[in-house]
Protein backbone atom coordinates (compact mmCIF):
# COMPACT_ATOMS: atom_id res chain seq x y z
CA UNK A 1 -0.01 0.00 -0.01
CA UNK A 2 1.27 3.48 -0.87
CA UNK A 3 2.35 5.28 2.28
CA UNK A 4 0.69 8.44 0.96
CA UNK A 5 -2.69 6.81 1.57
CA UNK A 6 -2.10 6.50 5.32
CA UNK A 7 -2.48 8.86 8.22
CA UNK A 8 0.99 8.64 9.75
CA UNK A 9 2.86 11.70 10.86
CA UNK A 10 5.19 13.18 8.27
CA UNK A 11 7.95 12.62 10.83
CA UNK A 12 7.90 8.90 9.97
CA UNK A 13 9.24 9.55 6.49
CA UNK A 14 11.87 12.22 7.14
CA UNK A 15 15.56 11.91 7.83
CA UNK A 16 16.89 13.16 11.19
CA UNK A 17 17.74 16.84 11.42
CA UNK A 18 21.45 17.44 10.99
CA UNK A 19 23.39 20.50 12.13
CA UNK A 20 24.96 22.77 9.51
CA UNK A 21 28.68 22.33 8.92
CA UNK A 22 28.87 25.77 7.31
CA UNK A 23 26.82 28.96 7.87
CA UNK A 24 27.59 32.29 6.29
CA UNK A 25 26.24 35.64 5.23
CA UNK A 26 26.96 36.22 1.54
CA UNK A 27 27.02 39.64 -0.05
CA UNK A 28 25.18 39.46 -3.37
CA UNK A 29 25.17 43.13 -4.34
CA UNK A 30 22.61 45.92 -4.31
CA UNK A 31 23.03 46.22 -0.54
CA UNK A 32 21.69 42.70 0.08
CA UNK A 33 23.32 40.08 2.25
CA UNK A 34 21.81 36.58 2.25
CA UNK A 35 22.04 33.73 4.75
CA UNK A 36 23.44 30.46 3.33
CA UNK A 37 23.96 27.18 5.17
CA UNK A 38 25.26 23.71 4.32
CA UNK A 39 24.58 20.45 6.15
CA UNK A 40 24.80 16.73 5.48
CA UNK A 41 27.86 15.27 3.78
CA UNK A 42 30.51 17.80 2.78
CA UNK A 43 31.52 15.81 -0.34
CA UNK A 44 28.00 14.61 -1.03
CA UNK A 45 25.56 15.03 -3.91
CA UNK A 46 24.73 18.77 -3.83
CA UNK A 47 21.12 19.93 -3.61
CA UNK A 48 19.90 23.50 -3.24
CA UNK A 49 16.55 24.03 -1.52
CA UNK A 50 14.39 26.96 -2.62
CA UNK A 51 11.81 28.05 -0.07
CA UNK A 52 8.38 29.39 -0.82
CA UNK A 53 6.59 32.67 -0.44
CA UNK A 54 8.29 34.69 -1.79
CA UNK A 55 9.37 35.69 1.69
CA UNK A 56 8.96 32.42 3.57
CA UNK A 57 12.57 31.78 4.54
CA UNK A 58 14.23 28.41 5.07
CA UNK A 59 13.98 26.22 8.17
CA UNK A 60 15.87 23.27 9.66
CA UNK A 61 12.95 20.97 8.74
CA UNK A 62 13.80 21.44 5.07
CA UNK A 63 17.02 19.47 5.56
CA UNK A 64 15.05 16.37 6.47
CA UNK A 65 14.02 15.38 2.94
CA UNK A 66 17.59 14.32 2.11
CA UNK A 67 19.74 11.46 3.36
CA UNK A 68 22.55 13.30 5.20
CA UNK A 69 24.92 10.43 4.48
CA UNK A 70 24.47 11.11 0.74
CA UNK A 71 23.49 14.72 0.19
CA UNK A 72 25.30 18.03 0.61
CA UNK A 73 22.24 20.11 1.58
CA UNK A 74 22.32 23.82 0.76
CA UNK A 75 19.65 26.14 2.13
CA UNK A 76 19.42 29.90 1.94
CA UNK A 77 17.07 32.74 2.79
CA UNK A 78 16.11 34.71 -0.31
CA UNK A 79 16.52 38.48 -0.38
CA UNK A 80 14.61 40.35 2.30
CA UNK A 81 13.46 37.43 4.45
CA UNK A 82 14.61 35.05 7.17
CA UNK A 83 18.12 35.95 8.29
CA UNK A 84 18.93 37.83 5.09
CA UNK A 85 19.28 41.59 5.26
CA UNK A 86 17.85 44.18 4.84
CA UNK A 87 14.72 42.58 6.27
CA UNK A 88 11.41 42.95 4.40
CA UNK A 89 13.10 45.04 1.72
CA UNK A 90 11.78 44.96 -1.85
CA UNK A 91 14.50 47.23 -3.26
CA UNK A 92 16.46 45.40 -5.97
CA UNK A 93 14.40 42.33 -5.17
CA UNK A 94 12.98 40.62 -8.25
CA UNK A 95 12.81 37.12 -9.64
CA UNK A 96 15.90 37.79 -11.72
CA UNK A 97 17.89 39.03 -8.74
CA UNK A 98 17.02 35.73 -7.03
CA UNK A 99 18.00 33.68 -10.07
CA UNK A 100 21.35 35.49 -10.14
CA UNK A 101 21.81 34.93 -6.40
CA UNK A 102 21.31 31.16 -6.78
CA UNK A 103 24.01 31.02 -9.42
CA UNK A 104 26.32 33.15 -7.23
CA UNK A 105 25.84 30.67 -4.39
CA UNK A 106 26.64 27.74 -6.66
CA UNK A 107 29.88 29.32 -7.83
CA UNK A 108 30.89 30.55 -4.36
CA UNK A 109 30.48 27.03 -2.94
CA UNK A 110 32.39 25.42 -5.81
CA UNK A 111 29.45 23.32 -7.01
CA UNK A 112 29.60 22.22 -10.64
CA UNK A 113 26.01 20.97 -10.94
CA UNK A 114 23.33 20.41 -8.35
CA UNK A 115 19.84 19.13 -7.83
CA UNK A 116 17.21 21.83 -7.31
CA UNK A 117 14.39 21.23 -4.82
CA UNK A 118 11.56 23.70 -4.38
CA UNK A 119 7.89 23.98 -3.52
CA UNK A 120 5.19 26.57 -4.26
CA UNK A 121 7.09 29.79 -5.08
CA UNK A 122 10.21 27.66 -4.64
CA UNK A 123 8.97 25.52 -7.56
CA UNK A 124 8.49 28.65 -9.67
CA UNK A 125 11.99 29.82 -8.88
CA UNK A 126 13.43 26.33 -9.44
CA UNK A 127 11.94 26.22 -12.94
CA UNK A 128 13.05 29.74 -13.85
CA UNK A 129 16.54 29.14 -12.53
CA UNK A 130 16.81 25.88 -14.48
CA UNK A 131 15.61 27.60 -17.64
CA UNK A 132 18.18 30.37 -17.18
CA UNK A 133 21.04 28.00 -16.20
CA UNK A 134 20.23 24.51 -17.54
CA UNK A 135 23.87 23.43 -17.52
CA UNK A 136 23.99 23.95 -13.74
CA UNK A 137 21.07 21.64 -12.94
CA UNK A 138 21.25 17.86 -12.49
CA UNK A 139 17.57 17.32 -11.70
CA UNK A 140 14.49 19.00 -10.28
CA UNK A 141 12.17 17.90 -7.49
CA UNK A 142 9.12 20.18 -7.34
CA UNK A 143 6.17 20.36 -4.93
CA UNK A 144 2.89 22.29 -5.07
CA UNK A 145 3.56 23.82 -8.47
CA UNK A 146 2.99 27.53 -8.95
CA UNK A 147 3.60 28.87 -12.49
CA UNK A 148 3.16 32.53 -11.53
CA UNK A 149 0.24 33.08 -13.88
CA UNK A 150 -2.62 35.55 -13.60
CA UNK A 151 -5.07 32.62 -13.53
CA UNK A 152 -3.45 31.21 -10.39
CA UNK A 153 -3.42 34.61 -8.66
CA UNK A 154 -7.04 35.19 -9.61
CA UNK A 155 -7.95 31.83 -8.08
CA UNK A 156 -6.38 32.65 -4.73
CA UNK A 157 -6.94 36.40 -4.51
CA UNK A 158 -10.05 36.72 -6.67
CA UNK A 159 -12.50 34.52 -4.80
CA UNK A 160 -11.98 31.01 -6.17
CA UNK A 161 -10.38 29.53 -3.04
CA UNK A 162 -12.65 31.78 -0.97
CA UNK A 163 -15.67 29.73 -2.04
CA UNK A 164 -14.29 26.84 0.03
CA UNK A 165 -13.41 29.00 3.04
CA UNK A 166 -16.05 31.73 3.00
CA UNK A 167 -15.53 32.82 6.59
CA UNK A 168 -11.79 33.30 6.09
CA UNK A 169 -12.35 35.01 2.75
CA UNK A 170 -14.75 37.42 4.43
CA UNK A 171 -12.06 38.28 6.99
CA UNK A 172 -9.48 38.81 4.24
CA UNK A 173 -11.69 41.01 2.07
CA UNK A 174 -13.15 43.00 4.97
CA UNK A 175 -9.77 44.65 5.50
CA UNK A 176 -10.27 46.90 2.44
CA UNK A 177 -13.18 49.07 1.27
CA UNK A 178 -15.72 47.45 -1.07
CA UNK A 179 -14.67 49.78 -3.89
CA UNK A 180 -11.16 48.24 -3.85
CA UNK A 181 -12.12 44.62 -3.53
CA UNK A 182 -11.98 44.06 -7.30
CA UNK A 183 -8.18 43.97 -7.03
CA UNK A 184 -7.20 42.76 -3.59
CA UNK A 185 -3.51 42.41 -4.45
CA UNK A 186 -3.36 46.09 -5.34
CA UNK A 187 -5.49 47.07 -2.33
CA UNK A 188 -3.19 45.23 0.07
CA UNK A 189 -0.15 46.62 -1.71
CA UNK A 190 -1.22 50.15 -0.84
CA UNK A 191 -1.39 49.25 2.84
CA UNK A 192 1.59 46.93 3.08
CA UNK A 193 3.76 49.75 1.74
CA UNK A 194 2.07 52.66 3.47
CA UNK A 195 5.14 53.65 5.44
CA UNK A 196 3.21 53.21 8.69
CA UNK A 197 4.77 50.23 10.47
CA UNK A 198 1.73 49.38 12.59
CA UNK A 199 -0.62 49.44 9.59
CA UNK A 200 1.79 47.37 7.48
CA UNK A 201 2.05 44.76 10.22
CA UNK A 202 -1.70 44.59 10.75
CA UNK A 203 -2.37 43.96 7.05
CA UNK A 204 0.62 41.64 6.79
CA UNK A 205 -0.77 39.37 9.48
CA UNK A 206 -4.13 39.05 7.74
CA UNK A 207 -2.46 38.47 4.36
CA UNK A 208 -0.24 35.76 5.85
CA UNK A 209 -3.09 34.14 7.80
CA UNK A 210 -5.23 33.79 4.67
CA UNK A 211 -2.55 31.69 3.01
CA UNK A 212 -1.41 29.75 6.06
CA UNK A 213 -4.95 28.70 6.93
CA UNK A 214 -5.43 27.03 3.55
CA UNK A 215 -2.10 25.22 3.43
CA UNK A 216 -3.10 21.88 4.96
CA UNK A 217 -5.98 19.62 4.06
CA UNK A 218 -6.43 18.96 7.79
CA UNK A 219 -7.08 22.63 8.61
CA UNK A 220 -10.56 23.27 10.00
CA UNK A 221 -10.62 26.96 9.14
CA UNK A 222 -8.81 28.23 12.21
CA UNK A 223 -6.28 31.01 11.83
CA UNK A 224 -3.55 32.40 14.02
CA UNK A 225 -1.43 35.48 13.76
CA UNK A 226 2.15 34.95 12.60
CA UNK A 227 4.94 36.77 14.44
CA UNK A 228 4.98 40.40 13.37
CA UNK A 229 8.40 40.52 11.72
CA UNK A 230 7.89 37.25 9.85
CA UNK A 231 4.43 38.31 8.64
CA UNK A 232 5.64 41.72 7.49
CA UNK A 233 8.47 40.28 5.40
CA UNK A 234 6.33 37.45 4.01
CA UNK A 235 3.40 39.67 3.04
CA UNK A 236 5.42 42.54 1.63
CA UNK A 237 7.65 40.32 -0.49
CA UNK A 238 4.84 38.08 -1.70
CA UNK A 239 2.63 41.02 -2.58
CA UNK A 240 5.53 42.83 -4.29
CA UNK A 241 6.15 39.83 -6.54
CA UNK A 242 2.47 39.24 -7.26
CA UNK A 243 1.62 42.85 -8.06
CA UNK A 244 4.46 42.66 -10.62
CA UNK A 245 3.35 39.36 -12.13
CA UNK A 246 6.43 37.57 -10.86
CA UNK A 247 8.54 39.87 -13.07
CA UNK A 248 8.00 37.48 -15.98
CA UNK A 249 8.12 38.73 -19.58
CA UNK A 250 4.81 36.98 -20.35
CA UNK A 251 2.12 35.24 -18.36
CA UNK A 252 2.90 31.71 -19.54
CA UNK A 253 6.69 32.12 -19.60
CA UNK A 254 7.51 28.88 -17.78
CA UNK A 255 5.50 26.68 -20.15
CA UNK A 256 6.63 28.70 -23.18
CA UNK A 257 10.29 28.07 -22.27
CA UNK A 258 9.90 24.42 -21.28
CA UNK A 259 12.09 23.27 -24.18
CA UNK A 260 15.11 24.69 -22.35
CA UNK A 261 14.81 22.02 -19.64
CA UNK A 262 13.28 19.10 -21.53
CA UNK A 263 16.45 17.07 -20.96
CA UNK A 264 16.52 17.55 -17.15
CA UNK A 265 14.95 14.75 -15.08
CA UNK A 266 12.16 15.96 -12.81
CA UNK A 267 9.66 14.72 -10.26
CA UNK A 268 6.55 16.81 -9.58
CA UNK A 269 4.73 16.10 -6.30
CA UNK A 270 1.27 17.65 -6.08
CA UNK A 271 -1.52 17.49 -3.51
CA UNK A 272 -4.85 16.61 -5.12
CA UNK A 273 -6.68 19.08 -2.84
CA UNK A 274 -4.16 21.91 -2.91
CA UNK A 275 -6.19 25.09 -2.34
CA UNK A 276 -3.27 27.48 -2.80
CA UNK A 277 -1.78 26.05 -6.00
CA UNK A 278 -4.50 23.90 -7.64
CA UNK A 279 -3.29 20.71 -9.36
CA UNK A 280 -4.14 21.79 -12.90
CA UNK A 281 -0.91 23.80 -12.90
CA UNK A 282 1.20 20.75 -12.08
CA UNK A 283 -0.70 18.74 -14.68
CA UNK A 284 -0.15 21.41 -17.37
CA UNK A 285 3.57 21.47 -16.56
CA UNK A 286 3.81 17.69 -16.76
CA UNK A 287 1.93 17.55 -20.07
CA UNK A 288 4.29 20.13 -21.57
CA UNK A 289 7.30 18.23 -20.19
CA UNK A 290 6.90 14.56 -21.17
CA UNK A 291 10.08 13.46 -19.39
CA UNK A 292 8.81 14.65 -16.03
CA UNK A 293 7.13 12.35 -13.48
CA UNK A 294 3.90 13.56 -11.87
CA UNK A 295 3.02 12.14 -8.46
CA UNK A 296 -0.49 13.24 -7.53
CA UNK A 297 -1.08 12.67 -3.82
CA UNK A 298 -4.69 11.75 -3.17
CA UNK A 299 -5.27 13.00 0.35
CA UNK A 300 -3.10 16.09 0.56
CA UNK A 301 -3.21 19.86 0.24
CA UNK A 302 -0.34 22.27 -0.21
CA UNK A 303 1.86 21.94 2.86
CA UNK A 304 5.33 20.44 2.78
CA UNK A 305 4.44 18.71 6.06
CA UNK A 306 1.48 16.71 4.68
CA UNK A 307 2.33 13.02 5.32
CA UNK A 308 1.68 11.87 1.74
CA UNK A 309 3.67 14.73 0.27
CA UNK A 310 6.55 14.27 2.72
CA UNK A 311 6.72 10.54 1.94
CA UNK A 312 6.73 11.09 -1.81
CA UNK A 313 9.39 13.79 -1.64
CA UNK A 314 11.69 11.54 0.36
CA UNK A 315 11.11 8.75 -2.16
CA UNK A 316 11.96 11.20 -4.95
CA UNK A 317 15.22 12.35 -3.39
CA UNK A 318 16.21 8.76 -2.62
CA UNK A 319 15.59 7.79 -6.25
CA UNK A 320 17.60 10.76 -7.50
CA UNK A 321 20.46 9.78 -5.21
CA UNK A 322 20.54 6.30 -6.70
CA UNK A 323 20.41 7.77 -10.19
CA UNK A 324 23.38 10.09 -9.79
CA UNK A 325 25.66 8.06 -7.50
């Protein structure tokens, strides 16, 4: 029986947490300094982990999807979030700055080619990085695919997901006047960048809570306020990227450029009941990329911690390790 069909804790599938053997702040230009860490095996198969958001930051739990006896695990906080500085800054902070930062990290750490692992916005960034630097990428493992399209943003911020969580949607929309509710991303943008710290934090917490509440299939609709500094960075960065369409040259850029990565092996892990990034995006990516493997997890939403998703991601990284070693 497929483990993803069970109800075990995700902890049952993950490798033990290992301590970093290297932690550093790396200057990447434009006044930004980013946090980078390495754990696992120093001479192991390199993998870079791209966190979500934008603005989510990395966490020790992200190391646990990789066998530390095999992998050299590289995590970093993208510009403006986590331990990177300046905190919550959107200056010189675009998709293409992040793509350049990833390549700077690769070169600074002396990695020739690496596996790229990312979920949600991290999947978006993984795909765009691979398309920009295909010779640097061994393989991709993607979770909860987000293609940074207007259709996806309209689903989540235009009322689609709200039909399943009407009480939370009412809380989210009630923060702005009715006249502005036709474009909630723009309405929140005005308030997240008002220059008034208290107002920015108040709106940031509601923005963050709307997303966090819908992440897991097990959520019953309850919400909690994220810590102020985390919420402010997460909401400001995410909104900044979304109001700018992910800084892509066209809405369907990732699918349009799929030929650039056709040769790269990939596993796509997608929750069947993902409310944040619906599975039709993952399916469209897979159909455009015949060499990719799509693993649709029947009883799962969006969260990295969902047991079925955690189990499948570990299986994917174990298979990739056997393939490249």
